[in-house]
Amino acid sequence: MYLCICNAIRETDFRRAARDGSGDAEAIYRAMGRTPDCGSCLCEAEDILREEREGLKSAILAA
């Protein structure tokens, strides 16, 4: 599924970048070499970012 239609960013690609990067959703976009265009995806992007970071934290605590 596409997260950002304007930049053709798939949810899986954003999740991967979120796990590897830091900062807010706009910082992850920059790390991917893109910038939000219309901005309608940013709320969803922040939710995905939060999910990925919570997942990483849980994995670290379980180790």
PDB file of N, CA and C in Angstrom:
ATOM      1  N   MET A   1       0.845  -1.177   0.000  1.00  0.00           N
ATOM      2  CA  MET A   1       0.000   0.000   0.000  1.00  0.00           C
ATOM      3  C   MET A   1       0.894   1.245   0.000  1.00  0.00           C
ATOM      4  N   TYR A   2       0.461   2.248  -0.712  1.00  0.00           N
ATOM      5  CA  TYR A   2       1.208   3.496  -0.745  1.00  0.00           C
ATOM      6  C   TYR A   2       0.838   4.360   0.451  1.00  0.00           C
ATOM      7  N   LEU A   3       1.861   4.863   1.114  1.00  0.00           N
ATOM      8  CA  LEU A   3       1.660   5.817   2.197  1.00  0.00           C
ATOM      9  C   LEU A   3       1.509   7.216   1.605  1.00  0.00           C
ATOM     10  N   CYS A   4       2.391   7.536   0.689  1.00  0.00           N
ATOM     11  CA  CYS A   4       2.416   8.871   0.083  1.00  0.00           C
ATOM     12  C   CYS A   4       2.298   8.735  -1.432  1.00  0.00           C
ATOM     13  N   ILE A   5       1.178   9.159  -1.957  1.00  0.00           N
ATOM     14  CA  ILE A   5       0.948   9.096  -3.397  1.00  0.00           C
ATOM     15  C   ILE A   5       1.825  10.118  -4.123  1.00  0.00           C
ATOM     16  N   CYS A   6       1.971  11.304  -3.560  1.00  0.00           N
ATOM     17  CA  CYS A   6       2.745  12.370  -4.207  1.00  0.00           C
ATOM     18  C   CYS A   6       4.190  11.948  -4.478  1.00  0.00           C
ATOM     19  N   ASN A   7       4.775  11.192  -3.539  1.00  0.00           N
ATOM     20  CA  ASN A   7       6.170  10.775  -3.656  1.00  0.00           C
ATOM     21  C   ASN A   7       6.326   9.291  -3.967  1.00  0.00           C
ATOM     22  N   ALA A   8       5.231   8.594  -4.180  1.00  0.00           N
ATOM     23  CA  ALA A   8       5.243   7.148  -4.461  1.00  0.00           C
ATOM     24  C   ALA A   8       6.037   6.384  -3.401  1.00  0.00           C
ATOM     25  N   ILE A   9       5.753   6.696  -2.122  1.00  0.00           N
ATOM     26  CA  ILE A   9       6.415   6.013  -1.006  1.00  0.00           C
ATOM     27  C   ILE A   9       5.479   4.936  -0.488  1.00  0.00           C
ATOM     28  N   ARG A  10       5.974   3.710  -0.528  1.00  0.00           N
ATOM     29  CA  ARG A  10       5.186   2.596  -0.003  1.00  0.00           C
ATOM     30  C   ARG A  10       5.325   2.531   1.509  1.00  0.00           C
ATOM     31  N   GLU A  11       4.298   2.022   2.153  1.00  0.00           N
ATOM     32  CA  GLU A  11       4.316   1.894   3.608  1.00  0.00           C
ATOM     33  C   GLU A  11       5.502   1.053   4.068  1.00  0.00           C
ATOM     34  N   THR A  12       5.794  -0.033   3.372  1.00  0.00           N
ATOM     35  CA  THR A  12       6.914  -0.899   3.773  1.00  0.00           C
ATOM     36  C   THR A  12       8.243  -0.161   3.690  1.00  0.00           C
ATOM     37  N   ASP A  13       8.419   0.673   2.672  1.00  0.00           N
ATOM     38  CA  ASP A  13       9.658   1.447   2.545  1.00  0.00           C
ATOM     39  C   ASP A  13       9.773   2.483   3.659  1.00  0.00           C
ATOM     40  N   PHE A  14       8.650   3.111   3.994  1.00  0.00           N
ATOM     41  CA  PHE A  14       8.668   4.096   5.071  1.00  0.00           C
ATOM     42  C   PHE A  14       8.963   3.417   6.403  1.00  0.00           C
ATOM     43  N   ARG A  15       8.366   2.250   6.639  1.00  0.00           N
ATOM     44  CA  ARG A  15       8.623   1.510   7.884  1.00  0.00           C
ATOM     45  C   ARG A  15      10.106   1.159   8.009  1.00  0.00           C
ATOM     46  N   ARG A  16      10.706   0.701   6.923  1.00  0.00           N
ATOM     47  CA  ARG A  16      12.131   0.362   6.933  1.00  0.00           C
ATOM     48  C   ARG A  16      12.970   1.597   7.261  1.00  0.00           C
ATOM     49  N   ALA A  17      12.662   2.714   6.619  1.00  0.00           N
ATOM     50  CA  ALA A  17      13.395   3.957   6.874  1.00  0.00           C
ATOM     51  C   ALA A  17      13.175   4.438   8.299  1.00  0.00           C
ATOM     52  N   ALA A  18      11.974   4.247   8.825  1.00  0.00           N
ATOM     53  CA  ALA A  18      11.669   4.658  10.202  1.00  0.00           C
ATOM     54  C   ALA A  18      12.490   3.851  11.200  1.00  0.00           C
ATOM     55  N   ARG A  19      12.678   2.561  10.930  1.00  0.00           N
ATOM     56  CA  ARG A  19      13.487   1.726  11.828  1.00  0.00           C
ATOM     57  C   ARG A  19      14.954   2.128  11.790  1.00  0.00           C
ATOM     58  N   ASP A  20      15.415   2.589  10.630  1.00  0.00           N
ATOM     59  CA  ASP A  20      16.825   2.937  10.456  1.00  0.00           C
ATOM     60  C   ASP A  20      17.139   4.388  10.790  1.00  0.00           C
ATOM     61  N   GLY A  21      16.126   5.244  10.841  1.00  0.00           N
ATOM     62  CA  GLY A  21      16.362   6.671  11.011  1.00  0.00           C
ATOM     63  C   GLY A  21      15.910   7.201  12.350  1.00  0.00           C
ATOM     64  N   SER A  22      16.009   8.502  12.473  1.00  0.00           N
ATOM     65  CA  SER A  22      15.562   9.165  13.700  1.00  0.00           C
ATOM     66  C   SER A  22      14.859  10.460  13.313  1.00  0.00           C
ATOM     67  N   GLY A  23      14.162  11.033  14.271  1.00  0.00           N
ATOM     68  CA  GLY A  23      13.439  12.272  14.019  1.00  0.00           C
ATOM     69  C   GLY A  23      11.981  12.015  13.717  1.00  0.00           C
ATOM     70  N   ASP A  24      11.311  13.065  13.271  1.00  0.00           N
ATOM     71  CA  ASP A  24       9.886  12.963  12.973  1.00  0.00           C
ATOM     72  C   ASP A  24       9.674  12.459  11.545  1.00  0.00           C
ATOM     73  N   ALA A  25       8.422  12.414  11.132  1.00  0.00           N
ATOM     74  CA  ALA A  25       8.097  11.894   9.802  1.00  0.00           C
ATOM     75  C   ALA A  25       8.782  12.703   8.699  1.00  0.00           C
ATOM     76  N   GLU A  26       8.835  14.010   8.855  1.00  0.00           N
ATOM     77  CA  GLU A  26       9.482  14.829   7.831  1.00  0.00           C
ATOM     78  C   GLU A  26      10.972  14.523   7.737  1.00  0.00           C
ATOM     79  N   ALA A  27      11.609  14.207   8.867  1.00  0.00           N
ATOM     80  CA  ALA A  27      13.022  13.823   8.852  1.00  0.00           C
ATOM     81  C   ALA A  27      13.216  12.496   8.123  1.00  0.00           C
ATOM     82  N   ILE A  28      12.273  11.580   8.299  1.00  0.00           N
ATOM     83  CA  ILE A  28      12.346  10.300   7.596  1.00  0.00           C
ATOM     84  C   ILE A  28      12.176  10.534   6.097  1.00  0.00           C
ATOM     85  N   TYR A  29      11.267  11.409   5.717  1.00  0.00           N
ATOM     86  CA  TYR A  29      11.116  11.762   4.302  1.00  0.00           C
ATOM     87  C   TYR A  29      12.444  12.286   3.754  1.00  0.00           C
ATOM     88  N   ARG A  30      13.084  13.197   4.481  1.00  0.00           N
ATOM     89  CA  ARG A  30      14.362  13.757   4.021  1.00  0.00           C
ATOM     90  C   ARG A  30      15.415  12.668   3.893  1.00  0.00           C
ATOM     91  N   ALA A  31      15.440  11.729   4.845  1.00  0.00           N
ATOM     92  CA  ALA A  31      16.398  10.622   4.785  1.00  0.00           C
ATOM     93  C   ALA A  31      16.160   9.762   3.545  1.00  0.00           C
ATOM     94  N   MET A  32      14.925   9.751   3.067  1.00  0.00           N
ATOM     95  CA  MET A  32      14.583   8.998   1.860  1.00  0.00           C
ATOM     96  C   MET A  32      14.796   9.834   0.594  1.00  0.00           C
ATOM     97  N   GLY A  33      15.287  11.067   0.771  1.00  0.00           N
ATOM     98  CA  GLY A  33      15.532  11.939  -0.368  1.00  0.00           C
ATOM     99  C   GLY A  33      14.276  12.601  -0.913  1.00  0.00           C
ATOM    100  N   ARG A  34      13.265  12.738  -0.058  1.00  0.00           N
ATOM    101  CA  ARG A  34      11.991  13.301  -0.491  1.00  0.00           C
ATOM    102  C   ARG A  34      11.492  14.309   0.541  1.00  0.00           C
ATOM    103  N   THR A  35      10.477  15.054   0.166  1.00  0.00           N
ATOM    104  CA  THR A  35       9.804  15.960   1.095  1.00  0.00           C
ATOM    105  C   THR A  35       8.299  15.786   0.916  1.00  0.00           C
ATOM    106  N   PRO A  36       7.534  15.961   1.992  1.00  0.00           N
ATOM    107  CA  PRO A  36       6.079  15.875   1.844  1.00  0.00           C
ATOM    108  C   PRO A  36       5.604  16.949   0.869  1.00  0.00           C
ATOM    109  N   ASP A  37       4.668  16.591   0.030  1.00  0.00           N
ATOM    110  CA  ASP A  37       4.150  17.552  -0.944  1.00  0.00           C
ATOM    111  C   ASP A  37       2.845  18.152  -0.429  1.00  0.00           C
ATOM    112  N   CYS A  38       1.754  17.423  -0.524  1.00  0.00           N
ATOM    113  CA  CYS A  38       0.470  17.971  -0.068  1.00  0.00           C
ATOM    114  C   CYS A  38       0.308  17.844   1.450  1.00  0.00           C
ATOM    115  N   GLY A  39       1.038  16.906   2.077  1.00  0.00           N
ATOM    116  CA  GLY A  39       1.013  16.757   3.532  1.00  0.00           C
ATOM    117  C   GLY A  39      -0.103  15.896   4.079  1.00  0.00           C
ATOM    118  N   SER A  40      -0.984  15.388   3.223  1.00  0.00           N
ATOM    119  CA  SER A  40      -2.103  14.593   3.733  1.00  0.00           C
ATOM    120  C   SER A  40      -1.658  13.257   4.326  1.00  0.00           C
ATOM    121  N   CYS A  41      -0.451  12.827   4.051  1.00  0.00           N
ATOM    122  CA  CYS A  41       0.059  11.550   4.554  1.00  0.00           C
ATOM    123  C   CYS A  41       0.777  11.680   5.897  1.00  0.00           C
ATOM    124  N   LEU A  42       1.027  12.886   6.361  1.00  0.00           N
ATOM    125  CA  LEU A  42       1.879  13.062   7.540  1.00  0.00           C
ATOM    126  C   LEU A  42       1.304  12.465   8.821  1.00  0.00           C
ATOM    127  N   CYS A  43       0.007  12.540   9.028  1.00  0.00           N
ATOM    128  CA  CYS A  43      -0.584  11.934  10.238  1.00  0.00           C
ATOM    129  C   CYS A  43      -0.374  10.428  10.227  1.00  0.00           C
ATOM    130  N   GLU A  44      -0.637   9.802   9.089  1.00  0.00           N
ATOM    131  CA  GLU A  44      -0.425   8.356   8.953  1.00  0.00           C
ATOM    132  C   GLU A  44       1.059   8.018   9.110  1.00  0.00           C
ATOM    133  N   ALA A  45       1.926   8.842   8.537  1.00  0.00           N
ATOM    134  CA  ALA A  45       3.365   8.615   8.643  1.00  0.00           C
ATOM    135  C   ALA A  45       3.820   8.687  10.103  1.00  0.00           C
ATOM    136  N   GLU A  46       3.307   9.642  10.859  1.00  0.00           N
ATOM    137  CA  GLU A  46       3.656   9.747  12.284  1.00  0.00           C
ATOM    138  C   GLU A  46       3.159   8.528  13.060  1.00  0.00           C
ATOM    139  N   ASP A  47       1.968   8.025  12.718  1.00  0.00           N
ATOM    140  CA  ASP A  47       1.450   6.817  13.374  1.00  0.00           C
ATOM    141  C   ASP A  47       2.349   5.619  13.092  1.00  0.00           C
ATOM    142  N   ILE A  48       2.766   5.470  11.853  1.00  0.00           N
ATOM    143  CA  ILE A  48       3.655   4.368  11.477  1.00  0.00           C
ATOM    144  C   ILE A  48       4.986   4.508  12.194  1.00  0.00           C
ATOM    145  N   LEU A  49       5.507   5.705  12.247  1.00  0.00           N
ATOM    146  CA  LEU A  49       6.766   5.967  12.937  1.00  0.00           C
ATOM    147  C   LEU A  49       6.667   5.565  14.404  1.00  0.00           C
ATOM    148  N   ARG A  50       5.585   5.931  15.048  1.00  0.00           N
ATOM    149  CA  ARG A  50       5.357   5.573  16.454  1.00  0.00           C
ATOM    150  C   ARG A  50       5.281   4.049  16.612  1.00  0.00           C
ATOM    151  N   GLU A  51       4.547   3.371  15.729  1.00  0.00           N
ATOM    152  CA  GLU A  51       4.440   1.910  15.778  1.00  0.00           C
ATOM    153  C   GLU A  51       5.805   1.243  15.658  1.00  0.00           C
ATOM    154  N   GLU A  52       6.602   1.708  14.716  1.00  0.00           N
ATOM    155  CA  GLU A  52       7.924   1.108  14.500  1.00  0.00           C
ATOM    156  C   GLU A  52       8.838   1.335  15.697  1.00  0.00           C
ATOM    157  N   ARG A  53       8.791   2.510  16.266  1.00  0.00           N
ATOM    158  CA  ARG A  53       9.650   2.791  17.426  1.00  0.00           C
ATOM    159  C   ARG A  53       9.205   2.005  18.650  1.00  0.00           C
ATOM    160  N   GLU A  54       7.902   1.841  18.839  1.00  0.00           N
ATOM    161  CA  GLU A  54       7.408   1.027  19.952  1.00  0.00           C
ATOM    162  C   GLU A  54       7.811  -0.427  19.756  1.00  0.00           C
ATOM    163  N   GLY A  55       7.767  -0.904  18.519  1.00  0.00           N
ATOM    164  CA  GLY A  55       8.180  -2.271  18.215  1.00  0.00           C
ATOM    165  C   GLY A  55       9.649  -2.491  18.501  1.00  0.00           C
ATOM    166  N   LEU A  56      10.487  -1.524  18.152  1.00  0.00           N
ATOM    167  CA  LEU A  56      11.921  -1.630  18.434  1.00  0.00           C
ATOM    168  C   LEU A  56      12.182  -1.624  19.929  1.00  0.00           C
ATOM    169  N   LYS A  57      11.467  -0.755  20.651  1.00  0.00           N
ATOM    170  CA  LYS A  57      11.644  -0.679  22.099  1.00  0.00           C
ATOM    171  C   LYS A  57      11.251  -2.006  22.742  1.00  0.00           C
ATOM    172  N   SER A  58      10.158  -2.594  22.309  1.00  0.00           N
ATOM    173  CA  SER A  58       9.708  -3.882  22.848  1.00  0.00           C
ATOM    174  C   SER A  58      10.723  -4.978  22.566  1.00  0.00           C
ATOM    175  N   ALA A  59      11.294  -4.969  21.366  1.00  0.00           N
ATOM    176  CA  ALA A  59      12.287  -5.981  21.005  1.00  0.00           C
ATOM    177  C   ALA A  59      13.538  -5.845  21.862  1.00  0.00           C
ATOM    178  N   ILE A  60      13.944  -4.625  22.138  1.00  0.00           N
ATOM    179  CA  ILE A  60      15.131  -4.392  22.967  1.00  0.00           C
ATOM    180  C   ILE A  60      14.871  -4.841  24.397  1.00  0.00           C
ATOM    181  N   LEU A  61      13.703  -4.515  24.927  1.00  0.00           N
ATOM    182  CA  LEU A  61      13.377  -4.903  26.299  1.00  0.00           C
ATOM    183  C   LEU A  61      13.240  -6.414  26.447  1.00  0.00           C
ATOM    184  N   ALA A  62      12.808  -7.087  25.396  1.00  0.00           N
ATOM    185  CA  ALA A  62      12.633  -8.543  25.443  1.00  0.00           C
ATOM    186  C   ALA A  62      13.962  -9.279  25.330  1.00  0.00           C
ATOM    187  N   ALA A  63      14.975  -8.612  24.814  1.00  0.00           N
ATOM    188  CA  ALA A  63      16.278  -9.271  24.594  1.00  0.00           C
ATOM    189  C   ALA A  63      17.049  -9.475  25.866  1.00  0.00           C
TER     190      ALA A  63
END
